[in-house]
Amino acid sequence: MPSVSKSGLKLINKDTLWDKAYFSLKSALLAGKFVPGERIILRKVAQDLGISLTPVRDAINRLAAENVLERGGVGQGGGASVPLLNANEFDQLMSIRSSLEPLAAEAAAKNASRAEIVEISKMLNRMKDLAETGNLASYLDAHYQFHFGIYKLANQAILLQAIEGAWLRCGPTLNLALPAYNPGQKRHKHHLAALNALKKGDGVGVAQAIRADIDSARLDICNLLD
C-alpha cells in the first residue's frame, strides 16, 4: 500500500504521475483531509508527493473541471481551494447520496462474503474507537472506508463512480459536523444497523440504515450551514 505524507496525501511512485497525483488528491478529499475554504497550494502538494509541479497542476485542473475544487491563483504558488458549500448546495448533494447509496447497499447484501463483512466490521469498530478518543481527523477516513467497503460489494462500477462524485463534493463539508456532534454517538446506531443487516443478507435493511445515516448527517450539517 502507498505510504502517507504528513499532510495526509498518499505518496506515489514516479510512473503515470498525472493520474496518481489526481488519485492522491481525490483520496484526501474523499476522506475529509481538506476542509471547506482551505487552499490547496501546488508547490506544497508537489513537495508532499515528491513530484514536480506539472502533474499536480494537471490533477488540480481536472478536479476543478469536475467542480470538486475552485481554481485559485496563477503561478507556482497558485492552486485551488475547497468550495464553501451553502445549505442548498449541500442538501442537493446529500439528496443524490440518499438516492444512490441505498441502491448500492441493497445490491451489496447479495454479494458480501463472511471475510468481507469481517473487514467492514473492523472498520466500524475503528470508527467507534476514533470517535471515543476524540481523533476526529481520522474518523472521516474510517467513515469513508466503511461506506465504500459496503458499496464496492455491489459490483456496479458506474453506480460507484456516481456515488464517489457526490462524496468528492460534499466530503470536506462533513468536517463541519464533527466538533458539534460526536459522530460515534450520533450516527453509530445507523452504521451498526447497516452492518447487522449486511450480516443477515437483508438488502432492504442495509439500504434503510444507510439512508437514515445520510439523512441524519444532512439535517445536522444543513442546520450548521444555515
Protein backbone atom coordinates (compact mmCIF):
# COMPACT_ATOMS: atom_id res chain seq x y z
CA MET A 1 0.00 0.00 0.00
CA PRO A 2 1.17 3.58 -0.66
CA SER A 3 2.71 5.40 2.30
CA VAL A 4 1.15 8.62 3.55
CA SER A 5 2.78 12.04 3.91
CA LYS A 6 2.38 14.30 6.96
CA SER A 7 -0.35 16.21 5.11
CA GLY A 8 -2.42 13.05 4.68
CA LEU A 9 -1.73 12.70 0.96
CA LYS A 10 -0.72 9.26 -0.24
CA LEU A 11 2.84 9.21 -1.52
CA ILE A 12 3.15 7.96 -5.10
CA ASN A 13 5.60 6.31 -7.43
CA LYS A 14 7.19 8.11 -10.35
CA ASP A 15 5.20 6.46 -13.16
CA THR A 16 1.92 7.85 -14.56
CA LEU A 17 2.28 10.86 -12.30
CA TRP A 18 -0.74 12.75 -13.63
CA ASP A 19 -3.22 10.01 -12.75
CA LYS A 20 -1.55 9.25 -9.45
CA ALA A 21 -1.47 12.89 -8.36
CA TYR A 22 -5.18 13.04 -9.14
CA PHE A 23 -5.78 9.83 -7.16
CA SER A 24 -3.88 11.16 -4.15
CA LEU A 25 -5.80 14.44 -4.05
CA LYS A 26 -9.10 12.67 -4.65
CA SER A 27 -8.45 10.18 -1.85
CA ALA A 28 -7.66 13.03 0.55
CA LEU A 29 -10.88 14.85 -0.39
CA LEU A 30 -13.00 11.71 0.00
CA ALA A 31 -11.51 11.09 3.44
CA GLY A 32 -12.15 14.64 4.64
CA LYS A 33 -8.48 15.60 4.81
CA PHE A 34 -9.29 19.08 3.46
CA VAL A 35 -11.84 21.44 4.98
CA PRO A 36 -14.16 23.92 3.23
CA GLY A 37 -12.34 27.07 2.19
CA GLU A 38 -8.89 25.51 2.53
CA ARG A 39 -6.35 26.50 -0.13
CA ILE A 40 -4.52 23.71 -1.92
CA ILE A 41 -1.07 25.02 -2.89
CA LEU A 42 0.62 23.48 -5.92
CA ARG A 43 4.14 23.67 -4.54
CA LYS A 44 3.19 22.19 -1.18
CA VAL A 45 1.31 19.27 -2.74
CA ALA A 46 4.22 18.61 -5.12
CA GLN A 47 6.65 18.58 -2.18
CA ASP A 48 4.42 16.29 -0.13
CA LEU A 49 4.17 13.81 -3.01
CA GLY A 50 7.79 14.14 -4.10
CA ILE A 51 6.97 15.09 -7.70
CA SER A 52 7.15 18.13 -9.97
CA LEU A 53 4.52 20.87 -10.25
CA THR A 54 3.22 19.85 -13.68
CA PRO A 55 1.32 16.65 -12.76
CA VAL A 56 -0.06 18.32 -9.64
CA ARG A 57 -1.30 21.28 -11.70
CA ASP A 58 -2.93 18.89 -14.17
CA ALA A 59 -4.62 16.96 -11.35
CA ILE A 60 -5.94 20.15 -9.75
CA ASN A 61 -7.18 21.41 -13.12
CA ARG A 62 -9.02 18.13 -13.62
CA LEU A 63 -10.68 18.38 -10.20
CA ALA A 64 -11.61 22.00 -10.89
CA ALA A 65 -13.16 20.97 -14.22
CA GLU A 66 -15.24 18.41 -12.29
CA ASN A 67 -16.42 21.21 -9.93
CA VAL A 68 -14.75 19.47 -7.00
CA LEU A 69 -12.29 22.35 -6.46
CA GLU A 70 -12.37 26.04 -7.25
CA ARG A 71 -9.50 27.47 -9.26
CA GLY A 72 -7.01 29.56 -7.31
CA GLY A 73 -4.25 31.95 -8.23
CA VAL A 74 -1.76 31.64 -11.05
CA GLY A 75 1.93 30.77 -10.87
CA GLN A 76 3.80 28.11 -8.96
CA GLY A 77 2.29 29.11 -5.64
CA GLY A 78 -1.24 29.04 -7.01
CA GLY A 79 -3.57 26.11 -6.95
CA ALA A 80 -7.16 25.81 -5.90
CA SER A 81 -9.44 25.94 -2.91
CA VAL A 82 -12.07 23.66 -1.45
CA PRO A 83 -15.53 25.17 -2.12
CA LEU A 84 -17.59 26.62 0.69
CA LEU A 85 -20.97 25.00 0.07
CA ASN A 86 -24.16 26.68 1.20
CA ALA A 87 -27.04 24.74 2.76
CA ASN A 88 -28.90 24.38 -0.53
CA GLU A 89 -25.87 23.02 -2.39
CA PHE A 90 -25.04 20.58 0.39
CA ASP A 91 -28.67 19.46 0.59
CA GLN A 92 -28.68 18.71 -3.14
CA LEU A 93 -25.54 16.59 -2.85
CA MET A 94 -26.90 14.69 0.13
CA SER A 95 -30.15 14.08 -1.76
CA ILE A 96 -28.08 12.47 -4.51
CA ARG A 97 -26.27 10.36 -1.92
CA SER A 98 -29.56 9.38 -0.29
CA SER A 99 -30.85 8.18 -3.66
CA LEU A 100 -27.77 6.33 -4.91
CA GLU A 101 -26.10 4.82 -1.86
CA PRO A 102 -29.08 2.73 -0.71
CA LEU A 103 -29.12 1.17 -4.20
CA ALA A 104 -25.50 0.09 -3.82
CA ALA A 105 -26.06 -1.01 -0.23
CA GLU A 106 -29.00 -3.23 -1.16
CA ALA A 107 -27.07 -4.83 -4.01
CA ALA A 108 -24.05 -5.36 -1.74
CA ALA A 109 -26.02 -7.58 0.62
CA LYS A 110 -26.35 -10.22 -2.11
CA ASN A 111 -22.59 -10.43 -2.64
CA ALA A 112 -20.99 -9.92 0.77
CA SER A 113 -18.79 -12.79 1.89
CA ARG A 114 -18.05 -13.56 5.53
CA ALA A 115 -14.47 -12.29 5.17
CA GLU A 116 -15.65 -9.02 3.62
CA ILE A 117 -18.19 -8.49 6.39
CA VAL A 118 -15.43 -9.03 8.96
CA GLU A 119 -13.35 -6.27 7.36
CA ILE A 120 -16.30 -3.88 7.32
CA SER A 121 -16.98 -4.73 10.96
CA LYS A 122 -13.37 -3.91 11.83
CA MET A 123 -13.74 -0.51 10.18
CA LEU A 124 -16.89 0.21 12.18
CA ASN A 125 -15.03 -0.67 15.39
CA ARG A 126 -12.24 1.68 14.31
CA MET A 127 -14.76 4.47 13.75
CA LYS A 128 -16.14 3.96 17.25
CA ASP A 129 -12.66 3.95 18.81
CA LEU A 130 -11.62 7.11 16.94
CA ALA A 131 -14.79 8.93 17.99
CA GLU A 132 -14.44 7.91 21.63
CA THR A 133 -10.80 9.04 21.76
CA GLY A 134 -11.57 12.32 20.02
CA ASN A 135 -9.45 11.53 16.96
CA LEU A 136 -11.94 13.16 14.62
CA ALA A 137 -9.33 13.92 11.96
CA SER A 138 -9.02 10.20 11.27
CA TYR A 139 -12.69 9.44 11.85
CA LEU A 140 -13.83 10.68 8.43
CA ASP A 141 -11.26 8.49 6.69
CA ALA A 142 -12.56 5.41 8.53
CA HIS A 143 -16.11 6.58 7.83
CA TYR A 144 -15.37 6.72 4.11
CA GLN A 145 -13.73 3.28 4.21
CA PHE A 146 -16.76 1.81 5.98
CA HIS A 147 -19.28 3.16 3.49
CA PHE A 148 -17.32 2.33 0.37
CA GLY A 149 -16.37 -1.06 1.78
CA ILE A 150 -20.09 -1.82 1.52
CA TYR A 151 -20.76 -0.11 -1.81
CA LYS A 152 -17.90 -1.83 -3.63
CA LEU A 153 -19.56 -5.18 -2.91
CA ALA A 154 -22.40 -4.20 -5.23
CA ASN A 155 -20.04 -4.77 -8.19
CA GLN A 156 -21.65 -1.86 -10.08
CA ALA A 157 -18.81 0.35 -11.31
CA ILE A 158 -20.97 3.07 -12.87
CA LEU A 159 -23.08 3.42 -9.71
CA LEU A 160 -19.92 3.54 -7.57
CA GLN A 161 -18.46 6.32 -9.74
CA ALA A 162 -21.64 8.36 -9.37
CA ILE A 163 -21.56 7.95 -5.59
CA GLU A 164 -17.90 8.90 -5.49
CA GLY A 165 -18.63 12.07 -7.45
CA ALA A 166 -21.12 13.23 -4.83
CA TRP A 167 -18.74 12.34 -1.98
CA LEU A 168 -15.92 14.32 -3.58
CA ARG A 169 -18.02 17.46 -3.50
CA CYS A 170 -19.55 17.08 -0.04
CA GLY A 171 -16.79 15.16 1.80
CA PRO A 172 -14.91 18.22 3.08
CA THR A 173 -18.14 19.75 4.40
CA LEU A 174 -18.70 16.71 6.64
CA ASN A 175 -15.89 18.15 8.78
CA LEU A 176 -18.25 20.87 9.95
CA ALA A 177 -20.36 18.47 11.99
CA LEU A 178 -17.51 16.85 13.91
CA PRO A 179 -16.91 19.40 16.69
CA ALA A 180 -20.60 19.89 17.47
CA TYR A 181 -21.83 16.31 17.09
CA ASN A 182 -19.95 13.29 18.39
CA PRO A 183 -20.17 11.01 15.34
CA GLY A 184 -19.54 7.90 17.40
CA GLN A 185 -22.74 8.56 19.34
CA LYS A 186 -24.87 10.47 16.86
CA ARG A 187 -24.90 8.03 13.94
CA HIS A 188 -23.29 4.85 15.24
CA LYS A 189 -26.72 3.23 15.54
CA HIS A 190 -27.29 3.63 11.78
CA HIS A 191 -23.88 2.21 10.91
CA LEU A 192 -24.43 -0.71 13.29
CA ALA A 193 -27.87 -1.37 11.78
CA ALA A 194 -26.32 -1.42 8.29
CA LEU A 195 -23.67 -3.92 9.39
CA ASN A 196 -26.19 -6.20 11.13
CA ALA A 197 -28.46 -6.20 8.08
CA LEU A 198 -25.47 -6.96 5.87
CA LYS A 199 -24.64 -9.98 8.02
CA LYS A 200 -28.19 -11.26 7.52
CA GLY A 201 -28.15 -10.65 3.78
CA ASP A 202 -31.01 -8.19 4.30
CA GLY A 203 -30.54 -5.77 1.42
CA VAL A 204 -33.58 -3.67 2.25
CA GLY A 205 -32.38 -3.32 5.83
CA VAL A 206 -28.90 -2.20 4.75
CA ALA A 207 -30.44 0.35 2.38
CA GLN A 208 -32.74 1.76 5.07
CA ALA A 209 -29.89 2.12 7.56
CA ILE A 210 -27.66 3.87 5.04
CA ARG A 211 -30.44 6.27 4.06
CA ALA A 212 -31.11 7.07 7.74
CA ASP A 213 -27.42 7.78 8.29
CA ILE A 214 -27.23 10.15 5.31
CA ASP A 215 -30.44 11.98 6.20
CA SER A 216 -29.28 12.45 9.80
CA ALA A 217 -25.99 14.00 8.65
CA ARG A 218 -27.81 16.14 6.11
CA LEU A 219 -30.12 17.62 8.74
CA ASP A 220 -27.30 18.38 11.19
CA ILE A 221 -24.97 19.98 8.67
CA CYS A 222 -27.64 21.95 6.80
CA ASN A 223 -28.62 23.47 10.14
CA LEU A 224 -24.99 24.46 10.71
CA LEU A 225 -24.69 25.92 7.21
CA ASP A 226 -27.88 27.91 7.68
